[in-house]
Each structure stands twice: as C-alpha cells, then as structure tokens.
Amino acid sequence: MSALAYTLADWHEQLPAGLSHKEVADVCVDREQRVFLYGRYEHAVYAYDRDGAFLRSWGKEMFGRSHGITAGPDGSIYCVDDGAHAVRKFSPEGELLLTLGTPDVPSETGYDGRDSETIRCSAGPFNRCTSLAVAPGGDLYVADGYGNSRVHRFSARGELLRSWGEPGRGPGQFRIPHGIYVLPDGRVMVADRENHRIQFFDPEGAYLEEWTDLQRPCAIDVDASGRIYVAELIWEDRPGRVSVFDRTGVLLARWGEHGHEPGKFIAPHGIAVDAKGDVYVAEVCWTLAGRHGKVPPDCHQIQRFTAVQAAQPAGAKSA
C-alpha cells in the first residue's frame, strides 16, 4: 500500500435555525465546489459552499425516502428517491427539470418491501432505486437496488435505452446494486453491495471484471487523478470504512474505526471527492441504530477528510 492517508478535517455544515435532518443519505460536490447533502427523515436537499456556509434547501415533503444524490457536469443535481421509486433532476437552485419513473408506482419484481431476497425476477424502472451516474456522453445510469436487481440506462432526455441484471451471485447478477459510477472511458462500475464486490461493465452492460476486496460497498466516487473511493458499511465484526484504489484495483488507503466519535464511522453510506481531493462521507447512523446500538444526538452525519502524506518505514523508497 502507498503512503496515502487521510485525516479528519474541521468542516461543519452551518445549518440555519429551523432546519434539520436526522442523518445524511448521500453527498455530492458540483463543479463550483458546492456541497449538496441529501438529508433523510427530514427528506430534503441542503446546499453549502465549500466552507460549510448554508446556501439553500429544497424538496421538503417532496421525497419519499432520500437515497442517492449526484451532480451532473452541467450543474444539474439528480436525486434518487427509493421510497417513491423515482429519480428527479433539479437545477442547482432546486427547480425540477426532469422525472424518471412514475412516482409511487414500483415495478413488479416480487419484492416484499423488506427483504431483497424476496425478489423473484428483474423488471423495468423502478423498485426502490438507489443511485445515479452520468456518463461522459450524457446518458444516465441508474442502480435499481433494493426492490430490483437491475441497472437502467437512459438518454439525457430520460428515454429508457436498455436494462441489465438479475438476482444472484454470478457475473452480471446483483444482490442490491447500490452505488454506480461511469468512468471517463465509459466503463460502468456497480457497487454490488450484498455480494461484497464492484462489478465492471461496458456501456451496453456486458460484464468485464469485478473487484472483491470490499465489504458491503455502498457508494463510489473518483477524483481528478483517477483514484477510486468506496464507502463501505459495517459487516459482521468489521467496522464501516472508506477504501481508496488506483484505477487498476490496487488498494492505496483504507481507514475506519467503529464509534460515534469524530473521525470514526457508524454507517458510511455516501461519498464524494472535491477538486482539492478532500473526501466527504455521509452516514445513515439512525437507519442502522436498531442493529448497532443507540445513536447520540450529536453523532456525525457528514464528515470531511483531507489527504496527508503518511510516514514511511525507515529505508523505504518513494514510489
């Protein structure tokens, strides 16, 4: 592993009086380095400048259940609503521009609303969709994860172009396709959460390869240097963590201790990297509170980490 390491940064969202959210399902950073949080329980979008100063909020009482948020290259903000089975595209100011799916109408997969193992078959968009990625050419890829086992590709105008995937553990099959990212060369990365892997596909959905040095990967982002960041949930006795890989899958950095204290993790669920290489990690501590203990009122929902050069062993040579 390289000498890459990360330390907790002093970053706090400056939320105005009267606004709140119980946890943050996901985070994204746009081309202007504005930070957008997708709050859960009080489902809404909260926008900040890079220093944490509040800019605006929108969407309260619009969303069924907040899940994934993505900033497009044109400045648009895409919000994936797994509770309403829909994806909405907004301007950075919160104007609704496009809706994918029929809100509150799930596709028929056999899913019982609680356990993804009850999915009998794949179907069209959507049944509790989870995340969206924008391809270099503008097409939209949506991971349809909790109630389906599918990836859907849309045109930038919202026309469904193709879908792929089915329940299972083999290549091209999924057990909760949760996070998604499209690389500059068009390859599609899918965080296949309950199969503990990231699968790679070509733009048409043909399986290419997979990475397996992961635990319940939830979200993926890539920095300007091509480093790949993955937020991973707690699994068995292993704490939630963040892993950083190079573009070939070599592990560069990994950190995570279980705890409510700053710098530790309860439930890393969303991740974003800004232009300076700082890493924002969103957590869903309350969603998992029933399984992993009580959550204190001041438990972290969003944390920012900064890269530092770790000390190398005596005699080690720099790469």
Protein backbone atom coordinates (compact mmCIF):
# COMPACT_ATOMS: atom_id res chain seq x y z
CA MET A 1 0.00 0.00 0.00
CA SER A 2 1.25 3.51 -0.75
CA ALA A 3 1.89 6.25 1.82
CA LEU A 4 -1.50 7.84 1.14
CA ALA A 5 -3.51 8.54 4.30
CA TYR A 6 -6.41 10.74 5.40
CA THR A 7 -7.16 12.81 8.47
CA LEU A 8 -10.38 14.38 9.73
CA ALA A 9 -10.85 17.98 8.56
CA ASP A 10 -12.52 20.77 10.52
CA TRP A 11 -15.67 21.09 8.38
CA HIS A 12 -19.18 21.67 9.69
CA GLU A 13 -22.40 22.46 7.89
CA GLN A 14 -23.79 25.75 9.11
CA LEU A 15 -27.45 24.79 9.19
CA PRO A 16 -29.82 27.71 9.90
CA ALA A 17 -32.21 27.65 12.84
CA GLY A 18 -35.42 25.84 11.98
CA LEU A 19 -33.82 23.40 9.54
CA SER A 20 -32.62 19.92 10.49
CA HIS A 21 -32.02 16.40 9.25
CA LYS A 22 -31.61 13.26 11.30
CA GLU A 23 -28.96 11.77 9.02
CA VAL A 24 -27.41 12.23 5.57
CA ALA A 25 -28.09 9.53 2.99
CA ASP A 26 -25.62 10.85 0.42
CA VAL A 27 -23.42 13.78 -0.58
CA CYS A 28 -22.15 15.26 -3.86
CA VAL A 29 -19.93 18.15 -4.90
CA ASP A 30 -20.68 20.14 -8.06
CA ARG A 31 -18.34 21.88 -10.50
CA GLU A 32 -18.49 25.07 -8.40
CA GLN A 33 -17.34 23.07 -5.34
CA ARG A 34 -20.71 23.47 -3.67
CA VAL A 35 -21.59 20.62 -1.34
CA PHE A 36 -25.08 19.08 -1.54
CA LEU A 37 -26.37 16.87 1.26
CA TYR A 38 -29.39 14.61 0.82
CA GLY A 39 -31.00 14.55 4.25
CA ARG A 40 -33.05 11.63 5.48
CA TYR A 41 -36.08 11.54 7.81
CA GLU A 42 -36.41 15.26 7.09
CA HIS A 43 -36.10 14.41 3.40
CA ALA A 44 -34.65 17.40 1.56
CA VAL A 45 -31.54 18.71 -0.22
CA TYR A 46 -29.22 21.09 1.66
CA ALA A 47 -26.64 23.12 -0.29
CA TYR A 48 -23.45 24.67 1.15
CA ASP A 49 -20.35 26.38 -0.11
CA ARG A 50 -17.02 24.63 0.35
CA ASP A 51 -16.57 26.18 3.80
CA GLY A 52 -19.92 24.89 5.05
CA ALA A 53 -21.88 28.14 4.76
CA PHE A 54 -25.55 27.43 4.03
CA LEU A 55 -26.82 28.42 0.58
CA ARG A 56 -30.32 26.97 0.23
CA SER A 57 -32.55 23.95 0.75
CA TRP A 58 -35.36 22.40 -1.24
CA GLY A 59 -37.56 19.35 -1.59
CA LYS A 60 -39.10 19.08 1.86
CA GLU A 61 -42.17 16.80 1.64
CA MET A 62 -41.36 16.01 -2.00
CA PHE A 63 -39.27 12.88 -1.43
CA GLY A 64 -40.46 9.52 -0.18
CA ARG A 65 -37.07 8.38 1.15
CA SER A 66 -33.76 10.02 0.35
CA HIS A 67 -31.06 7.78 -1.09
CA GLY A 68 -28.52 8.87 -3.75
CA ILE A 69 -27.53 12.33 -4.98
CA THR A 70 -25.33 13.15 -7.99
CA ALA A 71 -24.03 16.38 -9.50
CA GLY A 72 -24.03 16.33 -13.30
CA PRO A 73 -21.33 18.03 -15.40
CA ASP A 74 -23.83 20.70 -16.45
CA GLY A 75 -24.54 21.62 -12.83
CA SER A 76 -27.78 19.64 -12.54
CA ILE A 77 -28.49 17.75 -9.33
CA TYR A 78 -30.06 14.28 -9.55
CA CYS A 79 -31.91 12.94 -6.52
CA VAL A 80 -32.71 9.23 -6.32
CA ASP A 81 -35.79 8.56 -4.19
CA ASP A 82 -36.05 4.90 -3.24
CA GLY A 83 -39.25 5.49 -1.28
CA ALA A 84 -41.09 6.95 -4.28
CA HIS A 85 -39.36 4.74 -6.92
CA ALA A 86 -38.29 7.80 -8.89
CA VAL A 87 -35.31 9.96 -9.91
CA ARG A 88 -35.65 13.73 -10.14
CA LYS A 89 -33.32 16.18 -11.87
CA PHE A 90 -33.05 19.71 -10.47
CA SER A 91 -31.24 22.91 -11.25
CA PRO A 92 -28.69 23.88 -8.57
CA GLU A 93 -31.35 26.26 -7.22
CA GLY A 94 -33.92 23.47 -6.84
CA GLU A 95 -36.07 23.86 -9.96
CA LEU A 96 -37.46 20.49 -11.04
CA LEU A 97 -36.31 19.73 -14.61
CA LEU A 98 -36.99 16.03 -15.22
CA THR A 99 -38.50 12.97 -13.53
CA LEU A 100 -37.57 9.37 -14.32
CA GLY A 101 -40.04 6.69 -13.32
CA THR A 102 -43.61 7.07 -12.13
CA PRO A 103 -43.53 8.35 -8.56
CA ASP A 104 -45.06 5.97 -6.01
CA VAL A 105 -45.56 3.19 -8.61
CA PRO A 106 -42.99 0.36 -8.22
CA SER A 107 -42.26 -2.18 -10.93
CA GLU A 108 -43.28 -5.77 -10.16
CA THR A 109 -40.41 -7.96 -9.01
CA GLY A 110 -41.95 -9.94 -6.16
CA TYR A 111 -40.14 -7.80 -3.58
CA ASP A 112 -41.97 -7.80 -0.24
CA GLY A 113 -40.83 -4.32 0.79
CA ARG A 114 -38.36 -5.56 3.41
CA ASP A 115 -36.02 -8.29 2.19
CA SER A 116 -34.21 -8.17 -1.16
CA GLU A 117 -34.02 -11.97 -1.09
CA THR A 118 -37.74 -11.99 -1.96
CA ILE A 119 -37.05 -10.53 -5.43
CA ARG A 120 -38.23 -13.21 -7.87
CA CYS A 121 -37.29 -11.52 -11.13
CA SER A 122 -35.89 -8.32 -12.58
CA ALA A 123 -38.20 -5.70 -14.04
CA GLY A 124 -38.24 -2.23 -15.55
CA PRO A 125 -37.71 1.06 -13.71
CA PHE A 126 -38.03 1.29 -10.71
CA ASN A 127 -38.44 -0.64 -7.49
CA ARG A 128 -36.59 1.24 -4.74
CA CYS A 129 -33.84 2.69 -6.94
CA THR A 130 -30.66 3.69 -5.16
CA SER A 131 -28.13 5.73 -7.18
CA LEU A 132 -27.45 7.50 -10.49
CA ALA A 133 -24.34 8.20 -12.56
CA VAL A 134 -23.90 10.48 -15.56
CA ALA A 135 -21.81 9.05 -18.42
CA PRO A 136 -19.31 11.24 -20.32
CA GLY A 137 -21.71 11.40 -23.28
CA GLY A 138 -24.64 12.45 -21.09
CA ASP A 139 -26.50 9.15 -20.72
CA LEU A 140 -27.85 8.36 -17.25
CA TYR A 141 -27.26 5.04 -15.49
CA VAL A 142 -29.47 4.16 -12.52
CA ALA A 143 -28.86 1.39 -9.99
CA ASP A 144 -32.25 -0.08 -9.14
CA GLY A 145 -31.23 -1.82 -5.99
CA TYR A 146 -33.45 -2.59 -3.02
CA GLY A 147 -36.52 -3.94 -4.78
CA ASN A 148 -34.97 -4.82 -8.13
CA SER A 149 -31.64 -6.28 -9.32
CA ARG A 150 -31.10 -4.12 -12.33
CA VAL A 151 -29.16 -1.28 -13.95
CA HIS A 152 -31.09 1.00 -16.32
CA ARG A 153 -29.55 3.23 -18.96
CA PHE A 154 -31.42 6.36 -20.07
CA SER A 155 -30.68 9.07 -22.59
CA ALA A 156 -30.05 12.56 -21.21
CA ARG A 157 -33.69 13.34 -22.11
CA GLY A 158 -34.95 10.46 -19.98
CA GLU A 159 -35.65 7.81 -22.65
CA LEU A 160 -35.02 4.26 -21.45
CA LEU A 161 -32.33 2.71 -23.69
CA ARG A 162 -31.62 -0.65 -22.10
CA SER A 163 -31.53 -2.55 -18.79
CA TRP A 164 -29.48 -5.45 -17.48
CA GLY A 165 -29.04 -7.61 -14.39
CA GLU A 166 -30.94 -10.22 -12.40
CA PRO A 167 -30.94 -11.55 -8.82
CA GLY A 168 -27.99 -13.76 -7.97
CA ARG A 169 -24.30 -14.01 -7.23
CA GLY A 170 -22.79 -14.69 -10.67
CA PRO A 171 -21.28 -12.26 -13.17
CA GLY A 172 -23.84 -9.66 -14.18
CA GLN A 173 -26.14 -10.65 -11.30
CA PHE A 174 -26.79 -8.50 -8.24
CA ARG A 175 -27.72 -8.59 -4.58
CA ILE A 176 -28.57 -4.93 -4.06
CA PRO A 177 -26.84 -2.92 -6.81
CA HIS A 178 -26.40 0.11 -4.58
CA GLY A 179 -23.87 2.62 -5.93
CA ILE A 180 -22.91 3.36 -9.52
CA TYR A 181 -20.25 5.38 -11.36
CA VAL A 182 -19.28 5.74 -15.04
CA LEU A 183 -15.57 6.14 -15.74
CA PRO A 184 -14.23 8.50 -18.44
CA ASP A 185 -13.71 5.54 -20.80
CA GLY A 186 -17.39 4.58 -20.46
CA ARG A 187 -16.99 1.58 -18.16
CA VAL A 188 -19.77 1.29 -15.62
CA MET A 189 -18.87 0.46 -12.01
CA VAL A 190 -21.65 -1.03 -9.87
CA ALA A 191 -21.34 -1.45 -6.11
CA ASP A 192 -22.98 -4.88 -5.74
CA ARG A 193 -23.43 -4.43 -2.00
CA GLU A 194 -24.53 -7.75 -0.58
CA ASN A 195 -22.19 -9.65 -2.92
CA HIS A 196 -19.30 -7.61 -1.43
CA ARG A 197 -17.89 -6.55 -4.80
CA ILE A 198 -17.74 -3.92 -7.50
CA GLN A 199 -18.63 -5.19 -10.97
CA PHE A 200 -17.43 -3.51 -14.15
CA PHE A 201 -19.47 -3.43 -17.37
CA ASP A 202 -19.10 -1.88 -20.79
CA PRO A 203 -21.60 0.86 -21.71
CA GLU A 204 -24.03 -1.74 -23.11
CA GLY A 205 -24.00 -3.85 -19.95
CA ALA A 206 -21.53 -6.60 -20.93
CA TYR A 207 -19.67 -7.92 -17.88
CA LEU A 208 -15.94 -7.14 -17.82
CA GLU A 209 -14.47 -7.87 -14.37
CA GLU A 210 -15.00 -7.46 -10.64
CA TRP A 211 -13.12 -6.32 -7.54
CA THR A 212 -13.72 -8.28 -4.36
CA ASP A 213 -11.50 -6.69 -1.67
CA LEU A 214 -14.58 -4.95 -0.28
CA GLN A 215 -17.28 -5.25 2.36
CA ARG A 216 -20.83 -4.15 1.53
CA PRO A 217 -19.77 -1.32 -0.83
CA CYS A 218 -22.39 1.42 -0.89
CA ALA A 219 -21.10 4.35 -2.93
CA ILE A 220 -18.31 5.20 -5.37
CA ASP A 221 -16.61 8.41 -6.44
CA VAL A 222 -13.46 9.13 -8.47
CA ASP A 223 -11.07 12.05 -8.15
CA ALA A 224 -9.29 14.02 -10.88
CA SER A 225 -6.28 11.68 -10.69
CA GLY A 226 -8.40 8.57 -11.28
CA ARG A 227 -8.30 7.31 -7.70
CA ILE A 228 -11.47 5.41 -6.79
CA TYR A 229 -13.14 5.97 -3.40
CA VAL A 230 -15.61 3.49 -1.91
CA ALA A 231 -17.82 3.88 1.18
CA GLU A 232 -18.38 0.51 2.87
CA LEU A 233 -20.92 -0.42 5.54
CA ILE A 234 -20.30 -2.34 8.74
CA TRP A 235 -20.25 -6.12 8.21
CA GLU A 236 -20.16 -8.76 10.94
CA ASP A 237 -17.35 -7.64 13.28
CA ARG A 238 -15.74 -5.28 10.78
CA PRO A 239 -16.41 -1.54 11.16
CA GLY A 240 -17.61 0.70 8.37
CA ARG A 241 -14.75 2.16 6.39
CA VAL A 242 -13.53 4.02 3.30
CA SER A 243 -11.20 2.38 0.78
CA VAL A 244 -9.18 4.10 -1.94
CA PHE A 245 -7.95 2.21 -5.03
CA ASP A 246 -5.96 3.13 -8.09
CA ARG A 247 -7.61 2.61 -11.48
CA THR A 248 -6.27 -0.98 -11.67
CA GLY A 249 -7.70 -2.02 -8.31
CA VAL A 250 -4.57 -1.69 -6.16
CA LEU A 251 -5.51 -0.61 -2.63
CA LEU A 252 -3.94 2.77 -1.81
CA ALA A 253 -5.54 3.66 1.52
CA ARG A 254 -8.18 2.37 3.91
CA TRP A 255 -9.49 3.75 7.18
CA GLY A 256 -12.34 3.21 9.60
CA GLU A 257 -12.93 2.54 13.27
CA HIS A 258 -16.36 1.92 14.78
CA GLY A 259 -17.63 4.69 17.00
CA HIS A 260 -19.64 7.87 17.43
CA GLU A 261 -16.54 9.98 17.97
CA PRO A 262 -15.37 12.34 15.18
CA GLY A 263 -13.20 10.57 12.65
CA LYS A 264 -14.80 7.18 13.31
CA PHE A 265 -17.73 5.61 11.44
CA ILE A 266 -21.07 4.04 12.22
CA ALA A 267 -22.60 3.64 8.75
CA PRO A 268 -20.74 5.11 5.74
CA HIS A 269 -23.37 5.26 3.00
CA GLY A 270 -22.41 8.09 0.63
CA ILE A 271 -19.12 9.54 -0.57
CA ALA A 272 -17.88 12.47 -2.67
CA VAL A 273 -14.46 13.92 -3.53
CA ASP A 274 -13.96 17.60 -4.29
CA ALA A 275 -11.49 19.25 -6.65
CA LYS A 276 -8.86 19.53 -3.91
CA GLY A 277 -9.08 15.82 -3.11
CA ASP A 278 -10.98 16.20 0.15
CA VAL A 279 -13.36 13.32 0.88
CA TYR A 280 -16.90 13.79 2.24
CA VAL A 281 -18.50 10.76 3.89
CA ALA A 282 -22.25 10.66 4.60
CA GLU A 283 -23.63 8.27 7.22
CA VAL A 284 -27.01 6.69 7.98
CA CYS A 285 -26.47 6.06 11.68
CA TRP A 286 -30.14 6.20 12.66
CA THR A 287 -31.19 3.78 9.93
CA LEU A 288 -28.84 1.19 11.44
CA ALA A 289 -29.35 2.18 15.06
CA GLY A 290 -31.60 -0.77 15.81
CA ARG A 291 -28.82 -3.19 14.89
CA HIS A 292 -25.79 -1.39 16.25
CA GLY A 293 -26.82 0.43 19.41
CA LYS A 294 -28.19 3.83 20.35
CA VAL A 295 -27.14 6.92 18.44
CA PRO A 296 -26.28 10.05 20.44
CA PRO A 297 -27.97 13.28 19.28
CA ASP A 298 -24.65 14.78 18.20
CA CYS A 299 -23.45 11.74 16.23
CA HIS A 300 -21.75 12.68 12.98
CA GLN A 301 -23.85 12.63 9.81
CA ILE A 302 -21.29 14.10 7.44
CA GLN A 303 -17.51 14.26 7.82
CA ARG A 304 -14.73 15.61 5.61
CA PHE A 305 -11.27 14.06 5.40
CA THR A 306 -8.08 15.52 3.94
CA ALA A 307 -5.22 13.59 2.37
CA VAL A 308 -1.91 13.65 4.20
CA GLN A 309 1.40 12.02 3.43
CA ALA A 310 1.83 9.15 5.86
CA ALA A 311 5.22 8.42 7.36
CA GLN A 312 7.10 5.68 5.51
CA PRO A 313 9.13 2.95 7.26
CA ALA A 314 12.83 3.64 7.63
CA GLY A 315 14.69 2.84 4.44
CA ALA A 316 11.55 2.80 2.28
CA LYS A 317 11.80 4.34 -1.17
CA SER A 318 9.14 6.66 -2.56
CA ALA A 319 7.15 5.31 -5.48
